Amino acid sequence: MSFPALPARAVYLHLSNPTKHNALSLRVLRNLRSQLHRLNTSPSGRLLVLPSFRPEILSSLEQNEEEHKWLVDASAWRKEREGLPNVIVLRSGGPVFSSGHDLAELRSLSHEKVKETFALCTEVMSLIRRSPAPVVCPIQGLLILSLILSRPSSVRSLDDSFIKLLSILFYISLHFLHSSPPLVFHRLWDIVPFK
C-alpha cells in the first residue's frame, strides 16, 4: 500500500503484516526494531535515543558530558542527527491499524521465543518512546477497541463521559468498516465498568 508523500525530514515507520491485520509477530517486531535503529543511528554509527529519565541524568546534561552533548549543544545535535528524520510517522496498511500480538504465533512458539517476543515488544515500545524524533501515528480502524478493552489504569481512572466518548468513537469506526456495530457496541457497554 502506498502512503501520501511526507515533507522533507519526515519518514514512515512501516507496520506491515496486513494479511494478519498487522498483528505483532516476532518478524514484525524485529522489522520495527530494525527500522527504528536505522532511523535513529547517526552517521558515525551511534544509536541516538533519549536517555531513560533518572535524576542523576540532569547533572550529566548540565555538565555537558560527551555522552549527552548532542542533546544540549545545537551544533552537536546537527552533526549527530545529520540526514536523520525530524519526525517519524508510524503507519500500517489495511482497515485495522494493529490487532495486537499474533496469538496464533505465540501459541506455536517455544517458551524462550515467547519471552523473546515480549522482550522485543518492550524494546520497540521503548525505542518509540525514547526516539529524539517524535513518533506520530494516524489512527485507522480498530485501535480504539484495544484502548478501551485493555483498560490501562489511566483509562480506568477516567470519568464516565470520556469512556463513553471512546465507546462512541469505537461504534463509529465499526460503522465505517461495515461491521455489526450494535451488537459489539452493546457488548462493549457490558465489558467496560462504568461508574
Protein backbone atom coordinates (compact mmCIF):
# COMPACT_ATOMS: atom_id res chain seq x y z
CA MET A 1 0.00 0.00 0.00
CA SER A 2 1.32 3.44 -0.86
CA PHE A 3 1.00 6.29 1.60
CA PRO A 4 0.91 10.03 0.94
CA ALA A 5 4.23 11.76 0.38
CA LEU A 6 5.69 13.29 3.52
CA PRO A 7 7.51 16.61 3.84
CA ALA A 8 11.31 16.71 3.98
CA ARG A 9 12.86 15.06 7.08
CA ALA A 10 9.68 13.12 7.82
CA VAL A 11 9.68 9.35 7.22
CA TYR A 12 7.38 6.39 7.59
CA LEU A 13 7.91 3.60 10.10
CA HIS A 14 6.06 0.70 8.47
CA LEU A 15 3.99 -1.75 10.49
CA SER A 16 3.45 -4.33 7.81
CA ASN A 17 1.53 -7.54 8.32
CA PRO A 18 -1.75 -6.77 6.52
CA THR A 19 -2.78 -10.40 5.92
CA LYS A 20 -2.95 -10.83 9.71
CA HIS A 21 -4.43 -7.38 10.46
CA ASN A 22 -0.94 -6.06 11.25
CA ALA A 23 -0.50 -8.42 14.19
CA LEU A 24 2.74 -8.05 16.11
CA SER A 25 4.57 -11.23 15.22
CA LEU A 26 8.21 -11.88 16.02
CA ARG A 27 9.11 -11.00 12.41
CA VAL A 28 7.14 -7.73 12.53
CA LEU A 29 8.70 -6.71 15.87
CA ARG A 30 12.20 -7.45 14.57
CA ASN A 31 11.44 -5.35 11.49
CA LEU A 32 10.14 -2.44 13.60
CA ARG A 33 13.25 -2.57 15.79
CA SER A 34 15.48 -2.60 12.72
CA GLN A 35 13.67 0.40 11.21
CA LEU A 36 13.85 2.35 14.49
CA HIS A 37 17.56 1.64 14.81
CA ARG A 38 18.17 2.78 11.23
CA LEU A 39 16.09 5.96 11.72
CA ASN A 40 17.94 6.88 14.93
CA THR A 41 21.52 5.90 14.12
CA SER A 42 23.93 8.77 13.50
CA PRO A 43 26.30 8.90 10.52
CA SER A 44 29.05 7.86 12.99
CA GLY A 45 27.09 4.65 13.72
CA ARG A 46 25.87 5.64 17.19
CA LEU A 47 22.27 4.83 18.19
CA LEU A 48 20.82 8.14 19.37
CA VAL A 49 17.93 7.72 21.79
CA LEU A 50 16.87 9.88 24.67
CA PRO A 51 18.25 8.64 27.99
CA SER A 52 15.93 6.94 30.45
CA PHE A 53 14.95 9.52 32.99
CA ARG A 54 16.87 9.28 36.22
CA PRO A 55 17.51 12.27 38.49
CA GLU A 56 21.28 11.92 38.02
CA ILE A 57 20.88 12.40 34.25
CA LEU A 58 20.21 16.10 34.89
CA SER A 59 23.71 16.68 36.26
CA SER A 60 25.18 14.83 33.27
CA LEU A 61 23.27 17.15 30.94
CA GLU A 62 24.23 20.27 32.92
CA GLN A 63 27.91 19.29 32.84
CA ASN A 64 27.68 18.82 29.06
CA GLU A 65 29.26 15.36 29.25
CA GLU A 66 30.24 13.88 25.89
CA GLU A 67 27.68 11.06 26.04
CA HIS A 68 24.77 13.52 26.08
CA LYS A 69 26.38 16.52 24.41
CA TRP A 70 24.21 16.06 21.33
CA LEU A 71 21.16 16.76 23.49
CA VAL A 72 22.31 20.15 24.80
CA ASP A 73 24.55 21.55 22.06
CA ALA A 74 22.85 22.63 18.81
CA SER A 75 25.90 22.07 16.61
CA ALA A 76 26.48 18.60 18.11
CA TRP A 77 22.78 17.83 17.51
CA ARG A 78 23.01 18.84 13.85
CA LYS A 79 26.22 16.85 13.36
CA GLU A 80 24.95 13.68 15.08
CA ARG A 81 21.48 13.84 13.52
CA GLU A 82 22.61 14.79 10.01
CA GLY A 83 20.37 13.05 7.48
CA LEU A 84 18.09 11.62 10.18
CA PRO A 85 14.37 12.39 10.28
CA ASN A 86 12.80 15.15 12.37
CA VAL A 87 9.55 13.19 12.66
CA ILE A 88 8.65 9.51 12.24
CA VAL A 89 5.15 8.50 11.15
CA LEU A 90 4.11 5.01 12.24
CA ARG A 91 1.77 3.70 9.57
CA SER A 92 0.11 0.43 8.65
CA GLY A 93 -1.97 -0.63 5.69
CA GLY A 94 -5.43 -2.13 5.68
CA PRO A 95 -8.60 -1.49 7.67
CA VAL A 96 -7.02 -2.36 11.04
CA PHE A 97 -4.10 -0.43 12.48
CA SER A 98 -2.96 -3.44 14.51
CA SER A 99 -4.78 -6.37 16.03
CA GLY A 100 -2.17 -6.65 18.80
CA HIS A 101 0.07 -9.66 19.29
CA ASP A 102 -0.14 -12.58 16.89
CA LEU A 103 -1.76 -15.02 19.31
CA ALA A 104 -1.66 -17.93 16.85
CA GLU A 105 2.09 -17.47 16.51
CA LEU A 106 2.56 -17.13 20.29
CA ARG A 107 0.76 -20.45 20.84
CA SER A 108 3.14 -22.18 18.44
CA LEU A 109 6.38 -20.70 19.83
CA SER A 110 8.65 -22.21 22.44
CA HIS A 111 8.75 -20.61 25.88
CA GLU A 112 12.06 -18.92 25.00
CA LYS A 113 10.66 -17.47 21.76
CA VAL A 114 7.58 -16.15 23.62
CA LYS A 115 9.89 -14.43 26.12
CA GLU A 116 11.89 -13.03 23.19
CA THR A 117 8.69 -11.73 21.58
CA PHE A 118 7.63 -9.80 24.68
CA ALA A 119 11.16 -8.53 25.34
CA LEU A 120 11.34 -7.35 21.73
CA CYS A 121 7.95 -5.65 22.05
CA THR A 122 9.18 -3.87 25.17
CA GLU A 123 12.31 -2.77 23.33
CA VAL A 124 10.34 -1.47 20.36
CA MET A 125 7.98 0.49 22.63
CA SER A 126 10.99 1.93 24.45
CA LEU A 127 12.66 2.93 21.17
CA ILE A 128 9.47 4.70 20.10
CA ARG A 129 9.17 6.49 23.44
CA ARG A 130 12.87 7.46 23.56
CA SER A 131 13.26 8.47 19.91
CA PRO A 132 14.52 12.07 19.65
CA ALA A 133 12.35 12.40 16.54
CA PRO A 134 8.72 12.36 17.67
CA VAL A 135 6.82 9.26 16.52
CA VAL A 136 3.28 10.11 15.46
CA CYS A 137 0.58 7.86 14.17
CA PRO A 138 -2.56 8.43 12.12
CA ILE A 139 -5.07 6.01 13.61
CA GLN A 140 -7.29 3.99 11.33
CA GLY A 141 -9.54 1.06 12.00
CA LEU A 142 -9.91 -0.74 15.29
CA LEU A 143 -7.20 0.64 17.54
CA ILE A 144 -9.84 2.26 19.74
CA LEU A 145 -11.16 -1.18 20.69
CA SER A 146 -7.82 -2.23 22.10
CA LEU A 147 -7.52 1.03 24.03
CA ILE A 148 -10.90 0.53 25.67
CA LEU A 149 -10.70 -3.20 26.30
CA SER A 150 -7.17 -3.16 27.70
CA ARG A 151 -8.31 -0.52 30.19
CA PRO A 152 -4.94 0.67 31.50
CA SER A 153 -5.04 2.40 34.85
CA SER A 154 -5.21 5.80 33.15
CA VAL A 155 -8.40 4.80 31.32
CA ARG A 156 -9.91 3.09 34.36
CA SER A 157 -9.48 6.25 36.38
CA LEU A 158 -11.16 8.42 33.76
CA ASP A 159 -14.68 9.59 34.27
CA ASP A 160 -17.72 8.05 32.63
CA SER A 161 -18.05 10.65 29.90
CA PHE A 162 -14.58 10.01 28.46
CA ILE A 163 -15.05 6.22 28.37
CA LYS A 164 -18.47 6.72 26.77
CA LEU A 165 -16.84 9.00 24.19
CA LEU A 166 -14.27 6.29 23.38
CA SER A 167 -17.11 3.79 23.08
CA ILE A 168 -18.93 6.07 20.66
CA LEU A 169 -15.77 6.51 18.59
CA PHE A 170 -15.42 2.73 18.51
CA TYR A 171 -19.03 2.42 17.40
CA ILE A 172 -18.45 4.95 14.61
CA SER A 173 -15.25 3.20 13.46
CA LEU A 174 -17.12 -0.11 13.23
CA HIS A 175 -19.88 1.56 11.25
CA PHE A 176 -17.38 2.73 8.66
CA LEU A 177 -15.89 -0.76 8.49
CA HIS A 178 -19.33 -2.22 7.71
CA SER A 179 -19.29 -4.47 10.77
CA SER A 180 -22.10 -5.17 13.14
CA PRO A 181 -21.81 -2.19 15.48
CA PRO A 182 -24.98 -2.52 17.57
CA LEU A 183 -24.08 -6.00 18.82
CA VAL A 184 -20.44 -5.14 19.52
CA PHE A 185 -21.39 -1.77 20.99
CA HIS A 186 -23.80 -3.32 23.50
CA ARG A 187 -21.25 -5.97 24.47
CA LEU A 188 -18.70 -3.20 24.97
CA TRP A 189 -21.03 -1.47 27.40
CA ASP A 190 -21.21 -4.74 29.37
CA ILE A 191 -17.42 -5.16 29.39
CA VAL A 192 -16.32 -1.63 30.34
CA PRO A 193 -17.07 -0.98 34.02
CA PHE A 194 -18.83 2.36 34.10
CA LYS A 195 -19.17 4.19 37.42
